[in-house]
């Protein structure tokens, strides 16, 4: 009897772990406010002045709100992937022009090379068929 109970507990824990490892079954999109907060946390490495932080946060907030609204409109119109990608590029280019006016050349390079790529949503790996190098 004890053995069966232990196996049931083990199976339950394994199932819970497997579901959580796969993201819990449905990814929630972050709100623009959550994305802005996450971005500002990553920008800490740039050591921005208080004034630059305020201006940057306003730019990032505007970008996130505009981006979310545009993506909702595109999805409602049928969700053309190419249209989404073009709009996202247009919005991020406009955001980067504004940031360039605030950041130093070194900060802008760090933004483009390190911070911005880390903000993009990460897709889960496929079936694990990719070759590995040793």
C-alpha atoms as a PDB file:
ATOM      1  CA  UNK A   1       0.000   0.000   0.000  1.00  0.00           C
ATOM      2  CA  UNK A   2       2.813   2.409   0.883  1.00  0.00           C
ATOM      3  CA  UNK A   3       4.579   1.544  -2.349  1.00  0.00           C
ATOM      4  CA  UNK A   4       1.515   2.449  -4.433  1.00  0.00           C
ATOM      5  CA  UNK A   5       1.127   5.748  -2.593  1.00  0.00           C
ATOM      6  CA  UNK A   6       4.783   6.640  -3.187  1.00  0.00           C
ATOM      7  CA  UNK A   7       4.414   5.845  -6.894  1.00  0.00           C
ATOM      8  CA  UNK A   8       1.276   7.988  -7.132  1.00  0.00           C
ATOM      9  CA  UNK A   9       3.057  10.927  -5.484  1.00  0.00           C
ATOM     10  CA  UNK A  10       6.048  10.453  -7.787  1.00  0.00           C
ATOM     11  CA  UNK A  11       3.789  10.373 -10.869  1.00  0.00           C
ATOM     12  CA  UNK A  12       1.948  13.501  -9.742  1.00  0.00           C
ATOM     13  CA  UNK A  13       5.193  15.416  -9.161  1.00  0.00           C
ATOM     14  CA  UNK A  14       6.544  14.291 -12.519  1.00  0.00           C
ATOM     15  CA  UNK A  15       3.362  15.458 -14.273  1.00  0.00           C
ATOM     16  CA  UNK A  16       3.426  18.851 -12.579  1.00  0.00           C
ATOM     17  CA  UNK A  17       7.094  19.317 -13.435  1.00  0.00           C
ATOM     18  CA  UNK A  18       6.524  18.343 -17.070  1.00  0.00           C
ATOM     19  CA  UNK A  19       3.646  20.814 -17.472  1.00  0.00           C
ATOM     20  CA  UNK A  20       5.605  23.664 -15.875  1.00  0.00           C
ATOM     21  CA  UNK A  21       8.672  22.943 -18.003  1.00  0.00           C
ATOM     22  CA  UNK A  22       6.538  23.449 -21.108  1.00  0.00           C
ATOM     23  CA  UNK A  23       5.387  26.868 -20.011  1.00  0.00           C
ATOM     24  CA  UNK A  24       2.232  25.885 -18.193  1.00  0.00           C
ATOM     25  CA  UNK A  25       0.106  25.400 -21.266  1.00  0.00           C
ATOM     26  CA  UNK A  26      -0.515  28.914 -22.548  1.00  0.00           C
ATOM     27  CA  UNK A  27       1.831  31.844 -22.665  1.00  0.00           C
ATOM     28  CA  UNK A  28       0.390  35.099 -21.447  1.00  0.00           C
ATOM     29  CA  UNK A  29       1.574  38.180 -23.313  1.00  0.00           C
ATOM     30  CA  UNK A  30       3.125  40.806 -21.130  1.00  0.00           C
ATOM     31  CA  UNK A  31       1.340  44.121 -20.810  1.00  0.00           C
ATOM     32  CA  UNK A  32       3.108  47.213 -22.190  1.00  0.00           C
ATOM     33  CA  UNK A  33       3.789  48.296 -18.602  1.00  0.00           C
ATOM     34  CA  UNK A  34       5.454  44.966 -17.783  1.00  0.00           C
ATOM     35  CA  UNK A  35       7.571  45.154 -20.954  1.00  0.00           C
ATOM     36  CA  UNK A  36       8.592  48.729 -20.128  1.00  0.00           C
ATOM     37  CA  UNK A  37       9.597  47.720 -16.598  1.00  0.00           C
ATOM     38  CA  UNK A  38      11.625  44.757 -17.878  1.00  0.00           C
ATOM     39  CA  UNK A  39      13.342  46.949 -20.464  1.00  0.00           C
ATOM     40  CA  UNK A  40      14.217  49.627 -17.920  1.00  0.00           C
ATOM     41  CA  UNK A  41      15.721  46.971 -15.632  1.00  0.00           C
ATOM     42  CA  UNK A  42      17.948  45.779 -18.472  1.00  0.00           C
ATOM     43  CA  UNK A  43      18.970  49.365 -19.232  1.00  0.00           C
ATOM     44  CA  UNK A  44      20.528  49.685 -15.762  1.00  0.00           C
ATOM     45  CA  UNK A  45      23.880  48.601 -17.248  1.00  0.00           C
ATOM     46  CA  UNK A  46      23.969  51.823 -19.310  1.00  0.00           C
ATOM     47  CA  UNK A  47      24.210  53.968 -16.143  1.00  0.00           C
ATOM     48  CA  UNK A  48      21.799  56.580 -17.474  1.00  0.00           C
ATOM     49  CA  UNK A  49      21.355  59.905 -15.717  1.00  0.00           C
ATOM     50  CA  UNK A  50      18.006  60.553 -14.031  1.00  0.00           C
ATOM     51  CA  UNK A  51      16.950  62.826 -16.903  1.00  0.00           C
ATOM     52  CA  UNK A  52      18.000  60.286 -19.541  1.00  0.00           C
ATOM     53  CA  UNK A  53      16.155  57.535 -17.640  1.00  0.00           C
ATOM     54  CA  UNK A  54      12.941  59.556 -17.594  1.00  0.00           C
ATOM     55  CA  UNK A  55      13.164  60.349 -21.317  1.00  0.00           C
ATOM     56  CA  UNK A  56      14.068  56.752 -22.161  1.00  0.00           C
ATOM     57  CA  UNK A  57      11.192  55.359 -20.126  1.00  0.00           C
ATOM     58  CA  UNK A  58       8.761  57.669 -21.947  1.00  0.00           C
ATOM     59  CA  UNK A  59      10.107  56.502 -25.333  1.00  0.00           C
ATOM     60  CA  UNK A  60       9.966  52.812 -24.365  1.00  0.00           C
ATOM     61  CA  UNK A  61       6.450  53.191 -22.922  1.00  0.00           C
ATOM     62  CA  UNK A  62       5.233  54.930 -26.078  1.00  0.00           C
ATOM     63  CA  UNK A  63       6.847  52.247 -28.247  1.00  0.00           C
ATOM     64  CA  UNK A  64       5.291  49.387 -26.242  1.00  0.00           C
ATOM     65  CA  UNK A  65       1.810  50.952 -26.256  1.00  0.00           C
ATOM     66  CA  UNK A  66       1.938  51.802 -29.965  1.00  0.00           C
ATOM     67  CA  UNK A  67       3.349  48.394 -30.828  1.00  0.00           C
ATOM     68  CA  UNK A  68       0.662  46.529 -28.899  1.00  0.00           C
ATOM     69  CA  UNK A  69      -2.111  48.599 -30.474  1.00  0.00           C
ATOM     70  CA  UNK A  70      -0.696  48.064 -33.988  1.00  0.00           C
ATOM     71  CA  UNK A  71      -0.318  44.302 -33.474  1.00  0.00           C
ATOM     72  CA  UNK A  72      -3.913  44.040 -32.201  1.00  0.00           C
ATOM     73  CA  UNK A  73      -5.151  45.892 -35.284  1.00  0.00           C
ATOM     74  CA  UNK A  74      -3.163  43.633 -37.612  1.00  0.00           C
ATOM     75  CA  UNK A  75      -4.393  40.490 -35.835  1.00  0.00           C
ATOM     76  CA  UNK A  76      -7.992  41.735 -36.068  1.00  0.00           C
ATOM     77  CA  UNK A  77      -7.523  42.289 -39.812  1.00  0.00           C
ATOM     78  CA  UNK A  78      -6.388  38.725 -40.380  1.00  0.00           C
ATOM     79  CA  UNK A  79      -2.919  38.604 -38.859  1.00  0.00           C
ATOM     80  CA  UNK A  80      -0.619  38.974 -41.878  1.00  0.00           C
ATOM     81  CA  UNK A  81       2.826  38.013 -40.583  1.00  0.00           C
ATOM     82  CA  UNK A  82       4.689  40.165 -43.107  1.00  0.00           C
ATOM     83  CA  UNK A  83       2.597  43.203 -42.162  1.00  0.00           C
ATOM     84  CA  UNK A  84       3.360  42.576 -38.482  1.00  0.00           C
ATOM     85  CA  UNK A  85       7.084  42.312 -39.135  1.00  0.00           C
ATOM     86  CA  UNK A  86       7.111  45.468 -41.283  1.00  0.00           C
ATOM     87  CA  UNK A  87       5.156  47.458 -38.696  1.00  0.00           C
ATOM     88  CA  UNK A  88       7.365  46.218 -35.859  1.00  0.00           C
ATOM     89  CA  UNK A  89      10.486  47.245 -37.810  1.00  0.00           C
ATOM     90  CA  UNK A  90       9.004  50.669 -38.588  1.00  0.00           C
ATOM     91  CA  UNK A  91       8.160  51.260 -34.918  1.00  0.00           C
ATOM     92  CA  UNK A  92      11.510  50.007 -33.606  1.00  0.00           C
ATOM     93  CA  UNK A  93      13.427  52.152 -36.122  1.00  0.00           C
ATOM     94  CA  UNK A  94      11.486  55.238 -34.975  1.00  0.00           C
ATOM     95  CA  UNK A  95      12.164  54.307 -31.330  1.00  0.00           C
ATOM     96  CA  UNK A  96      15.883  53.888 -32.031  1.00  0.00           C
ATOM     97  CA  UNK A  97      16.092  57.324 -33.680  1.00  0.00           C
ATOM     98  CA  UNK A  98      14.651  58.846 -30.496  1.00  0.00           C
ATOM     99  CA  UNK A  99      16.979  56.812 -28.262  1.00  0.00           C
ATOM    100  CA  UNK A 100      19.993  57.841 -30.333  1.00  0.00           C
ATOM    101  CA  UNK A 101      19.307  61.448 -29.325  1.00  0.00           C
ATOM    102  CA  UNK A 102      19.606  60.455 -25.645  1.00  0.00           C
ATOM    103  CA  UNK A 103      22.254  57.729 -25.579  1.00  0.00           C
ATOM    104  CA  UNK A 104      25.955  58.154 -26.159  1.00  0.00           C
ATOM    105  CA  UNK A 105      27.446  56.253 -29.079  1.00  0.00           C
ATOM    106  CA  UNK A 106      28.726  53.573 -26.686  1.00  0.00           C
ATOM    107  CA  UNK A 107      25.335  53.228 -24.967  1.00  0.00           C
ATOM    108  CA  UNK A 108      23.572  52.977 -28.336  1.00  0.00           C
ATOM    109  CA  UNK A 109      25.959  50.220 -29.431  1.00  0.00           C
ATOM    110  CA  UNK A 110      25.267  48.309 -26.206  1.00  0.00           C
ATOM    111  CA  UNK A 111      21.513  48.806 -26.750  1.00  0.00           C
ATOM    112  CA  UNK A 112      21.630  47.427 -30.301  1.00  0.00           C
ATOM    113  CA  UNK A 113      24.076  44.580 -29.627  1.00  0.00           C
ATOM    114  CA  UNK A 114      23.049  43.331 -26.191  1.00  0.00           C
ATOM    115  CA  UNK A 115      19.872  44.780 -24.716  1.00  0.00           C
ATOM    116  CA  UNK A 116      17.485  44.962 -27.682  1.00  0.00           C
ATOM    117  CA  UNK A 117      18.101  41.343 -28.807  1.00  0.00           C
ATOM    118  CA  UNK A 118      17.381  40.150 -25.257  1.00  0.00           C
ATOM    119  CA  UNK A 119      13.945  41.808 -25.355  1.00  0.00           C
ATOM    120  CA  UNK A 120      12.667  39.789 -28.293  1.00  0.00           C
ATOM    121  CA  UNK A 121      10.382  36.905 -27.397  1.00  0.00           C
ATOM    122  CA  UNK A 122      12.282  33.636 -27.342  1.00  0.00           C
ATOM    123  CA  UNK A 123      10.750  30.749 -29.212  1.00  0.00           C
ATOM    124  CA  UNK A 124      10.919  27.292 -27.710  1.00  0.00           C
ATOM    125  CA  UNK A 125      13.242  24.834 -29.373  1.00  0.00           C
ATOM    126  CA  UNK A 126      11.890  22.395 -31.908  1.00  0.00           C
ATOM    127  CA  UNK A 127      12.040  18.640 -31.621  1.00  0.00           C
ATOM    128  CA  UNK A 128      15.696  18.617 -30.720  1.00  0.00           C
ATOM    129  CA  UNK A 129      16.796  17.495 -34.179  1.00  0.00           C
ATOM    130  CA  UNK A 130      19.392  20.210 -34.565  1.00  0.00           C
ATOM    131  CA  UNK A 131      22.958  18.898 -34.801  1.00  0.00           C
ATOM    132  CA  UNK A 132      25.178  19.620 -31.850  1.00  0.00           C
ATOM    133  CA  UNK A 133      28.802  20.577 -32.043  1.00  0.00           C
ATOM    134  CA  UNK A 134      31.313  19.274 -29.601  1.00  0.00           C
END
